[in-house]
Amino acid sequence: MNENTEKLVRELAEKLGTTVDHLWSVLVRQAIIQSYAEIACLALFSIGVAIWARFLRKKTTGDDPSWPISDEWPFLLWVFTGVSLLVAVIVALITLPLSIVTILNPEFWALKQILP
């Protein structure tokens, strides 16, 4: 850490009534926890979209009398599924590299949280 960063951490620790070492260790642990939480949320969203797509495929390919009467509903649901999948891919391309870097180098995330 440079002098400016160290000064900011010291001021923050004083405001919180704790030591610099404790504050820094908490921030580093939080970086790893944050990364795992982001990866877990992305995985759950991806699994949800996959389950939805499988359900939708079964419903639209079979003759299910409980399915909506309109023929455009399956198309609209597939569009919704496609857009959801596209959002999942874009979020994954942005989130996963940052999460992996944060797991490998949590000090960088901690510094980003402290510096203005």
N, C-alpha and C. Protein backbone atom coordinates (compact mmCIF):
# COMPACT_ATOMS: atom_id res chain seq x y z
N MET A 1 0.84 -1.18 0.00
CA MET A 1 0.00 0.00 0.00
C MET A 1 0.88 1.24 0.00
N ASN A 2 0.44 2.25 -0.74
CA ASN A 2 1.20 3.50 -0.69
C ASN A 2 0.74 4.33 0.51
N GLU A 3 1.37 5.46 0.72
CA GLU A 3 1.10 6.27 1.92
C GLU A 3 -0.34 6.79 1.95
N ASN A 4 -0.85 7.20 0.78
CA ASN A 4 -2.21 7.74 0.71
C ASN A 4 -3.24 6.66 1.07
N THR A 5 -3.04 5.48 0.54
CA THR A 5 -3.96 4.38 0.83
C THR A 5 -3.88 4.00 2.30
N GLU A 6 -2.68 3.94 2.81
CA GLU A 6 -2.49 3.60 4.22
C GLU A 6 -3.16 4.63 5.13
N LYS A 7 -3.07 5.89 4.75
CA LYS A 7 -3.71 6.95 5.52
C LYS A 7 -5.24 6.78 5.50
N LEU A 8 -5.80 6.47 4.32
CA LEU A 8 -7.25 6.27 4.22
C LEU A 8 -7.70 5.08 5.06
N VAL A 9 -6.94 4.00 5.02
CA VAL A 9 -7.28 2.82 5.81
C VAL A 9 -7.19 3.13 7.30
N ARG A 10 -6.17 3.86 7.69
CA ARG A 10 -6.01 4.23 9.09
C ARG A 10 -7.18 5.10 9.57
N GLU A 11 -7.59 6.08 8.73
CA GLU A 11 -8.72 6.95 9.09
C GLU A 11 -10.01 6.14 9.20
N LEU A 12 -10.21 5.24 8.26
CA LEU A 12 -11.42 4.41 8.28
C LEU A 12 -11.42 3.50 9.51
N ALA A 13 -10.28 2.95 9.85
CA ALA A 13 -10.19 2.08 11.02
C ALA A 13 -10.48 2.87 12.30
N GLU A 14 -9.99 4.10 12.37
CA GLU A 14 -10.25 4.93 13.54
C GLU A 14 -11.74 5.25 13.67
N LYS A 15 -12.38 5.55 12.54
CA LYS A 15 -13.82 5.84 12.56
C LYS A 15 -14.64 4.62 13.00
N LEU A 16 -14.16 3.45 12.61
CA LEU A 16 -14.88 2.22 12.95
C LEU A 16 -14.46 1.68 14.32
N GLY A 17 -13.45 2.25 14.91
CA GLY A 17 -13.01 1.81 16.23
C GLY A 17 -12.32 0.46 16.20
N THR A 18 -11.50 0.23 15.20
CA THR A 18 -10.79 -1.04 15.09
C THR A 18 -9.37 -0.77 14.61
N THR A 19 -8.59 -1.82 14.48
CA THR A 19 -7.21 -1.66 14.02
C THR A 19 -7.16 -1.78 12.49
N VAL A 20 -6.09 -1.26 11.93
CA VAL A 20 -5.89 -1.31 10.48
C VAL A 20 -5.76 -2.76 10.02
N ASP A 21 -5.02 -3.56 10.79
CA ASP A 21 -4.83 -4.97 10.40
C ASP A 21 -6.15 -5.73 10.37
N HIS A 22 -7.00 -5.48 11.37
CA HIS A 22 -8.30 -6.16 11.41
C HIS A 22 -9.18 -5.70 10.25
N LEU A 23 -9.21 -4.41 10.01
CA LEU A 23 -10.02 -3.87 8.91
C LEU A 23 -9.57 -4.45 7.58
N TRP A 24 -8.27 -4.50 7.37
CA TRP A 24 -7.74 -5.02 6.11
C TRP A 24 -8.08 -6.50 5.94
N SER A 25 -7.95 -7.28 7.00
CA SER A 25 -8.26 -8.72 6.89
C SER A 25 -9.75 -8.93 6.61
N VAL A 26 -10.60 -8.10 7.21
CA VAL A 26 -12.04 -8.21 6.94
C VAL A 26 -12.34 -7.88 5.48
N LEU A 27 -11.72 -6.83 4.97
CA LEU A 27 -11.94 -6.46 3.57
C LEU A 27 -11.46 -7.55 2.61
N VAL A 28 -10.33 -8.14 2.90
CA VAL A 28 -9.80 -9.21 2.04
C VAL A 28 -10.71 -10.43 2.07
N ARG A 29 -11.20 -10.80 3.26
CA ARG A 29 -12.15 -11.92 3.35
C ARG A 29 -13.44 -11.61 2.61
N GLN A 30 -13.91 -10.37 2.73
CA GLN A 30 -15.15 -9.98 2.06
C GLN A 30 -14.99 -10.05 0.54
N ALA A 31 -13.81 -9.77 0.03
CA ALA A 31 -13.58 -9.87 -1.41
C ALA A 31 -13.83 -11.29 -1.90
N ILE A 32 -13.33 -12.26 -1.16
CA ILE A 32 -13.50 -13.66 -1.56
C ILE A 32 -14.97 -14.07 -1.42
N ILE A 33 -15.61 -13.66 -0.33
CA ILE A 33 -17.02 -13.98 -0.14
C ILE A 33 -17.87 -13.37 -1.24
N GLN A 34 -17.59 -12.12 -1.59
CA GLN A 34 -18.33 -11.43 -2.65
C GLN A 34 -18.18 -12.17 -3.98
N SER A 35 -16.99 -12.62 -4.27
CA SER A 35 -16.76 -13.34 -5.54
C SER A 35 -17.53 -14.65 -5.58
N TYR A 36 -17.47 -15.41 -4.50
CA TYR A 36 -18.21 -16.67 -4.46
C TYR A 36 -19.72 -16.43 -4.57
N ALA A 37 -20.21 -15.38 -3.94
CA ALA A 37 -21.64 -15.06 -4.03
C ALA A 37 -22.04 -14.70 -5.46
N GLU A 38 -21.21 -13.93 -6.14
CA GLU A 38 -21.50 -13.57 -7.53
C GLU A 38 -21.51 -14.81 -8.42
N ILE A 39 -20.55 -15.68 -8.23
CA ILE A 39 -20.48 -16.90 -9.04
C ILE A 39 -21.69 -17.80 -8.76
N ALA A 40 -22.07 -17.91 -7.49
CA ALA A 40 -23.23 -18.74 -7.12
C ALA A 40 -24.52 -18.18 -7.72
N CYS A 41 -24.71 -16.87 -7.66
CA CYS A 41 -25.91 -16.26 -8.25
C CYS A 41 -25.96 -16.48 -9.75
N LEU A 42 -24.83 -16.32 -10.40
CA LEU A 42 -24.78 -16.54 -11.84
C LEU A 42 -25.07 -18.00 -12.18
N ALA A 43 -24.54 -18.92 -11.39
CA ALA A 43 -24.80 -20.34 -11.62
C ALA A 43 -26.27 -20.67 -11.41
N LEU A 44 -26.87 -20.14 -10.36
CA LEU A 44 -28.30 -20.38 -10.11
C LEU A 44 -29.17 -19.81 -11.22
N PHE A 45 -28.84 -18.61 -11.69
CA PHE A 45 -29.59 -18.02 -12.79
C PHE A 45 -29.46 -18.86 -14.05
N SER A 46 -28.25 -19.32 -14.34
CA SER A 46 -28.02 -20.15 -15.53
C SER A 46 -28.77 -21.47 -15.43
N ILE A 47 -28.75 -22.09 -14.26
CA ILE A 47 -29.48 -23.34 -14.06
C ILE A 47 -30.98 -23.10 -14.22
N GLY A 48 -31.46 -21.99 -13.69
CA GLY A 48 -32.88 -21.67 -13.83
C GLY A 48 -33.30 -21.48 -15.28
N VAL A 49 -32.47 -20.80 -16.06
CA VAL A 49 -32.77 -20.62 -17.48
C VAL A 49 -32.73 -21.96 -18.20
N ALA A 50 -31.78 -22.81 -17.87
CA ALA A 50 -31.70 -24.13 -18.51
C ALA A 50 -32.93 -24.98 -18.17
N ILE A 51 -33.34 -24.97 -16.92
CA ILE A 51 -34.53 -25.73 -16.51
C ILE A 51 -35.77 -25.17 -17.22
N TRP A 52 -35.87 -23.85 -17.28
CA TRP A 52 -37.01 -23.23 -17.97
C TRP A 52 -37.03 -23.61 -19.45
N ALA A 53 -35.87 -23.58 -20.10
CA ALA A 53 -35.81 -23.93 -21.52
C ALA A 53 -36.20 -25.39 -21.74
N ARG A 54 -35.77 -26.26 -20.86
CA ARG A 54 -36.15 -27.68 -20.98
C ARG A 54 -37.65 -27.86 -20.79
N PHE A 55 -38.22 -27.20 -19.78
CA PHE A 55 -39.66 -27.24 -19.54
C PHE A 55 -40.41 -26.71 -20.75
N LEU A 56 -39.95 -25.58 -21.26
CA LEU A 56 -40.61 -24.96 -22.41
C LEU A 56 -40.55 -25.85 -23.64
N ARG A 57 -39.42 -26.50 -23.85
CA ARG A 57 -39.29 -27.40 -25.00
C ARG A 57 -40.28 -28.56 -24.89
N LYS A 58 -40.41 -29.13 -23.69
CA LYS A 58 -41.37 -30.23 -23.49
C LYS A 58 -42.79 -29.76 -23.74
N LYS A 59 -43.13 -28.57 -23.26
CA LYS A 59 -44.49 -28.07 -23.41
C LYS A 59 -44.83 -27.69 -24.85
N THR A 60 -43.86 -27.15 -25.57
CA THR A 60 -44.16 -26.67 -26.92
C THR A 60 -44.06 -27.76 -27.98
N THR A 61 -43.35 -28.83 -27.70
CA THR A 61 -43.23 -29.88 -28.71
C THR A 61 -44.32 -30.94 -28.56
N GLY A 62 -44.89 -31.07 -27.39
CA GLY A 62 -45.92 -32.08 -27.18
C GLY A 62 -47.31 -31.48 -27.33
N ASP A 63 -48.31 -32.33 -27.37
CA ASP A 63 -49.70 -31.88 -27.43
C ASP A 63 -50.23 -31.85 -26.00
N ASP A 64 -50.01 -30.73 -25.35
CA ASP A 64 -50.45 -30.56 -23.98
C ASP A 64 -51.73 -29.73 -23.97
N PRO A 65 -52.85 -30.30 -23.55
CA PRO A 65 -54.11 -29.55 -23.56
C PRO A 65 -54.13 -28.40 -22.54
N SER A 66 -53.24 -28.41 -21.57
CA SER A 66 -53.23 -27.34 -20.57
C SER A 66 -52.43 -26.13 -21.05
N TRP A 67 -51.78 -26.24 -22.21
CA TRP A 67 -50.98 -25.14 -22.72
C TRP A 67 -51.90 -24.03 -23.24
N PRO A 68 -51.48 -22.76 -23.18
CA PRO A 68 -52.34 -21.66 -23.64
C PRO A 68 -52.85 -21.88 -25.07
N ILE A 69 -54.03 -21.36 -25.31
CA ILE A 69 -54.70 -21.58 -26.60
C ILE A 69 -53.98 -20.87 -27.74
N SER A 70 -53.48 -19.68 -27.50
CA SER A 70 -52.86 -18.89 -28.55
C SER A 70 -51.58 -19.55 -29.05
N ASP A 71 -51.38 -19.51 -30.36
CA ASP A 71 -50.17 -20.09 -30.95
C ASP A 71 -48.96 -19.18 -30.81
N GLU A 72 -49.17 -17.91 -30.50
CA GLU A 72 -48.02 -17.01 -30.39
C GLU A 72 -47.36 -17.07 -29.02
N TRP A 73 -48.03 -17.64 -28.01
CA TRP A 73 -47.43 -17.72 -26.68
C TRP A 73 -46.13 -18.51 -26.67
N PRO A 74 -46.07 -19.69 -27.29
CA PRO A 74 -44.78 -20.41 -27.28
C PRO A 74 -43.65 -19.59 -27.90
N PHE A 75 -43.95 -18.88 -28.98
CA PHE A 75 -42.92 -18.06 -29.62
C PHE A 75 -42.45 -16.96 -28.68
N LEU A 76 -43.38 -16.28 -28.03
CA LEU A 76 -43.02 -15.21 -27.11
C LEU A 76 -42.22 -15.74 -25.92
N LEU A 77 -42.58 -16.92 -25.44
CA LEU A 77 -41.83 -17.51 -24.33
C LEU A 77 -40.42 -17.91 -24.76
N TRP A 78 -40.28 -18.39 -25.99
CA TRP A 78 -38.94 -18.71 -26.49
C TRP A 78 -38.11 -17.44 -26.66
N VAL A 79 -38.74 -16.36 -27.08
CA VAL A 79 -38.02 -15.08 -27.18
C VAL A 79 -37.55 -14.65 -25.79
N PHE A 80 -38.46 -14.73 -24.81
CA PHE A 80 -38.10 -14.40 -23.44
C PHE A 80 -36.94 -15.27 -22.94
N THR A 81 -36.99 -16.55 -23.24
CA THR A 81 -35.93 -17.48 -22.83
C THR A 81 -34.61 -17.11 -23.51
N GLY A 82 -34.68 -16.81 -24.79
CA GLY A 82 -33.47 -16.42 -25.52
C GLY A 82 -32.85 -15.14 -24.97
N VAL A 83 -33.69 -14.16 -24.67
CA VAL A 83 -33.19 -12.91 -24.11
C VAL A 83 -32.59 -13.17 -22.73
N SER A 84 -33.24 -14.00 -21.93
CA SER A 84 -32.70 -14.33 -20.60
C SER A 84 -31.35 -15.03 -20.72
N LEU A 85 -31.24 -15.93 -21.67
CA LEU A 85 -29.98 -16.63 -21.89
C LEU A 85 -28.89 -15.66 -22.36
N LEU A 86 -29.26 -14.74 -23.24
CA LEU A 86 -28.30 -13.74 -23.70
C LEU A 86 -27.83 -12.86 -22.55
N VAL A 87 -28.74 -12.45 -21.68
CA VAL A 87 -28.36 -11.66 -20.51
C VAL A 87 -27.43 -12.47 -19.61
N ALA A 88 -27.74 -13.75 -19.42
CA ALA A 88 -26.88 -14.61 -18.58
C ALA A 88 -25.47 -14.70 -19.16
N VAL A 89 -25.37 -14.82 -20.47
CA VAL A 89 -24.05 -14.93 -21.11
C VAL A 89 -23.28 -13.62 -20.97
N ILE A 90 -23.96 -12.50 -21.19
CA ILE A 90 -23.29 -11.19 -21.07
C ILE A 90 -22.83 -10.96 -19.64
N VAL A 91 -23.70 -11.24 -18.68
CA VAL A 91 -23.32 -11.07 -17.27
C VAL A 91 -22.18 -12.01 -16.92
N ALA A 92 -22.20 -13.23 -17.44
CA ALA A 92 -21.12 -14.17 -17.17
C ALA A 92 -19.80 -13.68 -17.73
N LEU A 93 -19.84 -13.12 -18.94
CA LEU A 93 -18.61 -12.63 -19.55
C LEU A 93 -18.03 -11.45 -18.79
N ILE A 94 -18.88 -10.70 -18.11
CA ILE A 94 -18.40 -9.56 -17.33
C ILE A 94 -18.03 -9.99 -15.92
N THR A 95 -18.89 -10.78 -15.29
CA THR A 95 -18.74 -11.11 -13.87
C THR A 95 -17.69 -12.17 -13.60
N LEU A 96 -17.67 -13.22 -14.37
CA LEU A 96 -16.75 -14.33 -14.07
C LEU A 96 -15.28 -13.93 -14.06
N PRO A 97 -14.79 -13.21 -15.07
CA PRO A 97 -13.37 -12.83 -14.99
C PRO A 97 -13.06 -11.96 -13.77
N LEU A 98 -13.95 -11.01 -13.46
CA LEU A 98 -13.72 -10.17 -12.29
C LEU A 98 -13.78 -10.97 -11.00
N SER A 99 -14.70 -11.92 -10.93
CA SER A 99 -14.81 -12.74 -9.72
C SER A 99 -13.59 -13.63 -9.55
N ILE A 100 -13.11 -14.20 -10.63
CA ILE A 100 -11.93 -15.05 -10.56
C ILE A 100 -10.70 -14.23 -10.15
N VAL A 101 -10.57 -13.05 -10.74
CA VAL A 101 -9.44 -12.18 -10.37
C VAL A 101 -9.54 -11.78 -8.90
N THR A 102 -10.76 -11.51 -8.43
CA THR A 102 -10.92 -11.13 -7.04
C THR A 102 -10.59 -12.28 -6.10
N ILE A 103 -10.92 -13.50 -6.49
CA ILE A 103 -10.55 -14.66 -5.66
C ILE A 103 -9.03 -14.82 -5.62
N LEU A 104 -8.39 -14.61 -6.77
CA LEU A 104 -6.94 -14.78 -6.84
C LEU A 104 -6.17 -13.61 -6.22
N ASN A 105 -6.78 -12.41 -6.26
CA ASN A 105 -6.11 -11.22 -5.74
C ASN A 105 -7.11 -10.36 -4.96
N PRO A 106 -7.50 -10.80 -3.76
CA PRO A 106 -8.52 -10.07 -3.01
C PRO A 106 -8.07 -8.70 -2.53
N GLU A 107 -6.76 -8.49 -2.43
CA GLU A 107 -6.27 -7.19 -1.99
C GLU A 107 -6.65 -6.08 -2.97
N PHE A 108 -6.67 -6.40 -4.24
CA PHE A 108 -7.05 -5.41 -5.26
C PHE A 108 -8.49 -4.96 -5.04
N TRP A 109 -9.40 -5.91 -4.78
CA TRP A 109 -10.81 -5.57 -4.51
C TRP A 109 -10.90 -4.71 -3.26
N ALA A 110 -10.15 -5.07 -2.22
CA ALA A 110 -10.18 -4.30 -0.98
C ALA A 110 -9.70 -2.87 -1.21
N LEU A 111 -8.65 -2.71 -2.01
CA LEU A 111 -8.17 -1.38 -2.31
C LEU A 111 -9.20 -0.56 -3.09
N LYS A 112 -9.89 -1.21 -4.01
CA LYS A 112 -10.93 -0.51 -4.77
C LYS A 112 -12.06 -0.04 -3.86
N GLN A 113 -12.34 -0.77 -2.79
CA GLN A 113 -13.39 -0.39 -1.87
C GLN A 113 -12.98 0.80 -1.01
N ILE A 114 -11.70 0.94 -0.75
CA ILE A 114 -11.22 2.01 0.12
C ILE A 114 -10.96 3.29 -0.65
N LEU A 115 -10.33 3.16 -1.80
CA LEU A 115 -9.94 4.36 -2.55
C LEU A 115 -11.17 5.02 -3.17
N PRO A 116 -11.18 6.35 -3.17
CA PRO A 116 -12.34 7.07 -3.75
C PRO A 116 -12.36 7.03 -5.25
